[in-house]
């Protein structure tokens, strides 16, 4: 097992979820019916906008003393213009005149995991998350998704039990009322918002026994499989603090040098 802070640098959880889920995004016919059937990596597995924007936030926090998130997201987005951005975001990406556009899309929660690692306190983590989110996703639900996941990741990194994480998560979202079979059966648009994806990601994490189990569960649900797995696995990485070596190897092999370096720039906190 590769362990956080020992066997690999930086963060990988979100990227692993993104890469593994990329094959199944909006393709219900390909979606695994059970966790055991899930193929984690294949020739078509690739990173998407989820990983590019996670790298953008990480790079900004590591290397930009002014923390100009808008400029950094635009820089990275333009470096990878065909990564699969949403229609509103890609307009924002290529027009510097545009400001936030009241989005509650799940893009706010999928790019934010690095904020928890750079913060010295949970309050600072939430502050960073807000600043990195409100430049585009300034809808209350967009902000809520990003801040909730950042707080949970920070709590997990610093010793919170799963019961403590569950108590906080349940105060933000009603995810335990979700039905696994109903989530798996869904085929249609409408899941690309925080109000849908974040509760599903929380369900995957809290009903998992390991990082890989969380990943496999997310893949069986789909529909926006890469983003769902990205969000769930970012939290799973912080809590379980170890990922099977082969999964780490396969993910790193699919990342370009600049993205790997950005993800590796995330500091490892004192693990508790």
Protein backbone atom coordinates (compact mmCIF):
# COMPACT_ATOMS: atom_id res chain seq x y z
CA UNK A 1 0.00 0.00 0.00
CA UNK A 2 1.22 3.48 -0.86
CA UNK A 3 0.71 5.64 2.20
CA UNK A 4 -0.04 9.35 2.29
CA UNK A 5 3.05 11.27 3.31
CA UNK A 6 5.35 8.24 2.98
CA UNK A 7 5.20 6.53 -0.38
CA UNK A 8 3.92 9.33 -2.59
CA UNK A 9 3.98 13.09 -2.49
CA UNK A 10 1.07 15.47 -2.75
CA UNK A 11 -2.46 14.33 -3.54
CA UNK A 12 -3.77 11.69 -5.94
CA UNK A 13 -7.24 10.75 -4.71
CA UNK A 14 -9.23 13.18 -6.84
CA UNK A 15 -7.17 12.40 -9.95
CA UNK A 16 -7.59 8.66 -9.47
CA UNK A 17 -11.35 9.01 -9.22
CA UNK A 18 -11.40 11.24 -12.27
CA UNK A 19 -9.26 8.96 -14.43
CA UNK A 20 -11.11 5.79 -13.44
CA UNK A 21 -14.50 7.41 -13.93
CA UNK A 22 -13.67 9.03 -17.27
CA UNK A 23 -14.57 5.91 -19.25
CA UNK A 24 -18.04 5.67 -17.69
CA UNK A 25 -19.06 9.33 -17.76
CA UNK A 26 -22.53 9.62 -19.33
CA UNK A 27 -22.20 6.06 -20.70
CA UNK A 28 -24.67 3.94 -18.73
CA UNK A 29 -24.17 0.95 -21.00
CA UNK A 30 -20.53 0.70 -19.90
CA UNK A 31 -21.16 1.22 -16.21
CA UNK A 32 -20.26 -1.79 -14.02
CA UNK A 33 -23.24 -3.49 -12.40
CA UNK A 34 -21.30 -4.45 -9.27
CA UNK A 35 -18.23 -3.22 -7.48
CA UNK A 36 -16.42 -6.45 -8.30
CA UNK A 37 -16.99 -5.93 -12.04
CA UNK A 38 -15.58 -2.41 -12.07
CA UNK A 39 -12.52 -2.01 -14.28
CA UNK A 40 -10.46 0.73 -12.68
CA UNK A 41 -8.15 1.47 -15.61
CA UNK A 42 -8.09 0.65 -19.31
CA UNK A 43 -6.48 2.08 -22.44
CA UNK A 44 -9.20 4.74 -22.69
CA UNK A 45 -8.85 5.94 -19.09
CA UNK A 46 -7.66 9.54 -19.01
CA UNK A 47 -7.72 12.62 -16.83
CA UNK A 48 -10.35 15.26 -17.52
CA UNK A 49 -11.12 18.83 -16.52
CA UNK A 50 -11.57 17.60 -12.94
CA UNK A 51 -7.86 16.84 -12.60
CA UNK A 52 -6.74 19.88 -14.61
CA UNK A 53 -8.65 22.19 -12.28
CA UNK A 54 -7.51 20.33 -9.15
CA UNK A 55 -3.95 20.92 -10.38
CA UNK A 56 -4.79 24.58 -11.02
CA UNK A 57 -5.93 25.15 -7.43
CA UNK A 58 -2.93 23.25 -6.06
CA UNK A 59 -0.49 25.19 -8.24
CA UNK A 60 -2.04 28.50 -7.24
CA UNK A 61 -1.75 27.71 -3.54
CA UNK A 62 1.82 26.46 -3.88
CA UNK A 63 3.29 29.06 -6.22
CA UNK A 64 1.15 32.20 -6.39
CA UNK A 65 1.65 34.43 -3.33
CA UNK A 66 -1.32 36.54 -4.45
CA UNK A 67 -3.58 33.50 -4.73
CA UNK A 68 -5.15 34.74 -7.93
CA UNK A 69 -7.34 31.71 -8.48
CA UNK A 70 -9.09 33.12 -11.54
CA UNK A 71 -5.84 33.66 -13.44
CA UNK A 72 -4.48 30.26 -12.44
CA UNK A 73 -7.62 28.38 -13.42
CA UNK A 74 -7.62 30.18 -16.77
CA UNK A 75 -3.93 29.39 -17.30
CA UNK A 76 -4.40 25.68 -16.66
CA UNK A 77 -7.68 25.51 -18.53
CA UNK A 78 -6.11 27.03 -21.61
CA UNK A 79 -3.23 24.57 -21.34
CA UNK A 80 -5.78 21.75 -21.52
CA UNK A 81 -8.65 23.25 -23.54
CA UNK A 82 -10.20 19.92 -24.56
CA UNK A 83 -10.43 18.34 -21.12
CA UNK A 84 -14.24 18.37 -21.03
CA UNK A 85 -15.33 21.60 -19.34
CA UNK A 86 -18.96 22.59 -18.95
CA UNK A 87 -20.41 25.13 -21.37
CA UNK A 88 -20.57 28.04 -18.91
CA UNK A 89 -17.13 27.35 -17.51
CA UNK A 90 -15.44 27.21 -20.89
CA UNK A 91 -16.93 30.61 -21.77
CA UNK A 92 -15.52 31.96 -18.51
CA UNK A 93 -12.20 30.27 -19.22
CA UNK A 94 -11.59 32.11 -22.47
CA UNK A 95 -13.11 35.50 -21.64
CA UNK A 96 -11.30 37.40 -18.89
CA UNK A 97 -14.10 39.94 -18.78
CA UNK A 98 -16.45 37.36 -17.29
CA UNK A 99 -16.91 37.02 -13.55
CA UNK A 100 -18.77 34.43 -11.48
CA UNK A 101 -21.90 33.07 -13.10
CA UNK A 102 -23.98 31.81 -10.16
CA UNK A 103 -23.19 28.17 -10.78
CA UNK A 104 -24.10 25.35 -8.42
CA UNK A 105 -22.31 22.83 -10.65
CA UNK A 106 -20.29 20.03 -9.09
CA UNK A 107 -17.12 21.54 -10.56
CA UNK A 108 -16.73 23.54 -7.37
CA UNK A 109 -16.43 20.44 -5.19
CA UNK A 110 -14.28 18.41 -7.58
CA UNK A 111 -11.39 20.89 -7.84
CA UNK A 112 -11.04 21.95 -4.22
CA UNK A 113 -9.28 19.14 -2.31
CA UNK A 114 -5.86 20.84 -2.17
CA UNK A 115 -7.30 23.65 -0.03
CA UNK A 116 -7.49 21.35 2.99
CA UNK A 117 -3.80 20.48 2.76
CA UNK A 118 -2.52 24.05 2.60
CA UNK A 119 -4.59 25.25 5.58
CA UNK A 120 -3.34 25.38 9.15
CA UNK A 121 -6.88 25.18 10.53
CA UNK A 122 -10.31 24.08 9.41
CA UNK A 123 -11.44 27.70 9.34
CA UNK A 124 -8.58 28.63 7.03
CA UNK A 125 -9.41 25.65 4.82
CA UNK A 126 -13.00 26.88 4.49
CA UNK A 127 -11.77 30.41 3.74
CA UNK A 128 -9.48 29.15 0.97
CA UNK A 129 -12.26 27.00 -0.43
CA UNK A 130 -14.59 29.98 -0.61
CA UNK A 131 -11.99 32.15 -2.37
CA UNK A 132 -11.18 29.42 -4.89
CA UNK A 133 -14.86 28.77 -5.57
CA UNK A 134 -16.61 32.12 -5.66
CA UNK A 135 -14.73 33.23 -8.78
CA UNK A 136 -17.09 30.99 -10.77
CA UNK A 137 -19.47 28.98 -8.58
CA UNK A 138 -20.90 31.73 -6.38
CA UNK A 139 -24.32 30.12 -6.05
CA UNK A 140 -24.94 29.14 -2.36
CA UNK A 141 -25.06 25.45 -3.29
CA UNK A 142 -21.84 25.67 -5.28
CA UNK A 143 -20.09 27.26 -2.31
CA UNK A 144 -21.65 24.79 0.11
CA UNK A 145 -20.39 21.80 -1.86
CA UNK A 146 -16.82 23.06 -2.01
CA UNK A 147 -16.64 24.20 1.60
CA UNK A 148 -18.28 21.07 3.00
CA UNK A 149 -15.85 18.77 1.19
CA UNK A 150 -12.86 20.90 2.18
CA UNK A 151 -13.85 20.86 5.85
CA UNK A 152 -14.37 17.09 5.74
CA UNK A 153 -10.99 16.50 4.10
CA UNK A 154 -9.28 18.72 6.66
CA UNK A 155 -11.02 16.92 9.52
CA UNK A 156 -10.04 13.54 8.09
CA UNK A 157 -6.40 14.55 7.66
CA UNK A 158 -6.21 15.61 11.28
CA UNK A 159 -7.59 12.58 13.01
CA UNK A 160 -11.38 12.78 12.88
CA UNK A 161 -13.13 9.42 13.19
CA UNK A 162 -15.60 8.31 10.56
CA UNK A 163 -18.36 8.84 13.10
CA UNK A 164 -17.25 12.44 13.62
CA UNK A 165 -17.05 13.00 9.88
CA UNK A 166 -20.50 11.48 9.45
CA UNK A 167 -21.99 13.77 12.08
CA UNK A 168 -20.66 16.86 10.31
CA UNK A 169 -21.58 15.64 6.82
CA UNK A 170 -25.11 14.78 7.93
CA UNK A 171 -25.53 18.31 9.25
CA UNK A 172 -24.91 19.57 5.72
CA UNK A 173 -26.56 16.99 3.47
CA UNK A 174 -29.18 14.25 3.72
CA UNK A 175 -27.23 11.47 2.04
CA UNK A 176 -28.29 8.48 4.12
CA UNK A 177 -31.77 8.57 2.59
CA UNK A 178 -30.27 7.78 -0.81
CA UNK A 179 -30.94 4.31 -2.20
CA UNK A 180 -27.97 2.56 -3.77
CA UNK A 181 -30.00 0.66 -6.36
CA UNK A 182 -31.86 3.80 -7.39
CA UNK A 183 -28.60 5.71 -7.79
CA UNK A 184 -27.19 2.92 -9.95
CA UNK A 185 -30.31 2.78 -12.11
CA UNK A 186 -30.44 6.50 -12.92
CA UNK A 187 -29.84 7.36 -16.58
CA UNK A 188 -30.25 10.98 -17.52
CA UNK A 189 -28.91 14.46 -17.08
CA UNK A 190 -29.37 16.61 -13.99
CA UNK A 191 -26.72 15.10 -11.73
CA UNK A 192 -24.01 17.63 -12.56
CA UNK A 193 -24.84 19.88 -9.60
CA UNK A 194 -23.50 19.89 -6.06
CA UNK A 195 -26.93 19.15 -4.56
CA UNK A 196 -26.88 15.76 -6.30
CA UNK A 197 -23.23 14.78 -6.66
CA UNK A 198 -21.92 15.72 -3.22
CA UNK A 199 -24.51 13.65 -1.30
CA UNK A 200 -23.81 10.71 -3.60
CA UNK A 201 -20.07 11.07 -3.02
CA UNK A 202 -20.64 11.19 0.72
CA UNK A 203 -22.76 8.03 0.51
CA UNK A 204 -19.94 6.27 -1.36
CA UNK A 205 -17.37 7.26 1.23
CA UNK A 206 -19.39 6.47 4.33
CA UNK A 207 -20.43 3.08 2.93
CA UNK A 208 -16.86 2.12 2.04
CA UNK A 209 -14.24 0.08 3.84
CA UNK A 210 -11.16 1.29 1.96
CA UNK A 211 -10.03 3.73 -0.72
CA UNK A 212 -10.50 1.13 -3.45
CA UNK A 213 -13.92 0.15 -2.14
CA UNK A 214 -15.02 3.80 -2.24
CA UNK A 215 -13.75 4.13 -5.81
CA UNK A 216 -15.50 0.99 -6.99
CA UNK A 217 -18.77 2.05 -5.37
CA UNK A 218 -18.66 5.42 -7.11
CA UNK A 219 -18.05 3.79 -10.49
CA UNK A 220 -21.16 1.62 -10.17
CA UNK A 221 -23.29 4.73 -9.61
CA UNK A 222 -22.12 6.89 -12.48
CA UNK A 223 -23.79 9.01 -14.19
CA UNK A 224 -21.26 11.82 -13.93
CA UNK A 225 -18.84 9.11 -12.96
CA UNK A 226 -15.53 10.95 -13.13
CA UNK A 227 -16.65 13.86 -10.95
CA UNK A 228 -18.52 11.65 -8.49
CA UNK A 229 -15.47 9.42 -8.05
CA UNK A 230 -13.16 12.46 -7.88
CA UNK A 231 -15.09 13.99 -4.96
CA UNK A 232 -15.56 10.71 -3.09
CA UNK A 233 -11.95 9.60 -3.52
CA UNK A 234 -10.50 12.93 -2.42
CA UNK A 235 -12.14 12.37 0.95
CA UNK A 236 -11.30 8.66 0.99
CA UNK A 237 -7.62 9.45 0.44
CA UNK A 238 -7.59 11.86 3.37
CA UNK A 239 -9.33 9.41 5.69
CA UNK A 240 -7.82 6.03 4.77
CA UNK A 241 -4.40 7.57 4.04
CA UNK A 242 -3.32 4.70 1.84
CA UNK A 243 -4.00 3.58 -1.72
CA UNK A 244 -3.03 0.28 -3.38
CA UNK A 245 0.30 0.60 -5.14
CA UNK A 246 -1.03 -0.52 -8.51
CA UNK A 247 -3.75 2.16 -8.46
CA UNK A 248 -1.15 4.83 -7.69
CA UNK A 249 1.08 3.56 -10.51
CA UNK A 250 -1.72 3.43 -13.08
CA UNK A 251 -2.93 6.94 -12.24
CA UNK A 252 0.52 8.52 -12.28
CA UNK A 253 1.26 6.89 -15.64
CA UNK A 254 -1.68 8.79 -17.14
CA UNK A 255 -0.76 12.23 -15.88
CA UNK A 256 1.44 14.69 -17.76
CA UNK A 257 4.50 16.06 -16.01
CA UNK A 258 3.09 19.49 -15.18
CA UNK A 259 -0.06 18.09 -13.57
CA UNK A 260 1.94 15.56 -11.56
CA UNK A 261 4.22 18.34 -10.36
CA UNK A 262 1.25 20.51 -9.36
CA UNK A 263 -0.37 17.68 -7.40
CA UNK A 264 2.97 16.85 -5.79
CA UNK A 265 3.35 20.46 -4.65
CA UNK A 266 0.60 19.94 -2.08
CA UNK A 267 2.20 19.69 1.37
CA UNK A 268 1.69 16.61 3.48
CA UNK A 269 0.24 17.60 6.85
CA UNK A 270 1.27 16.02 10.12
CA UNK A 271 -0.74 12.82 9.96
CA UNK A 272 -2.70 12.02 13.09
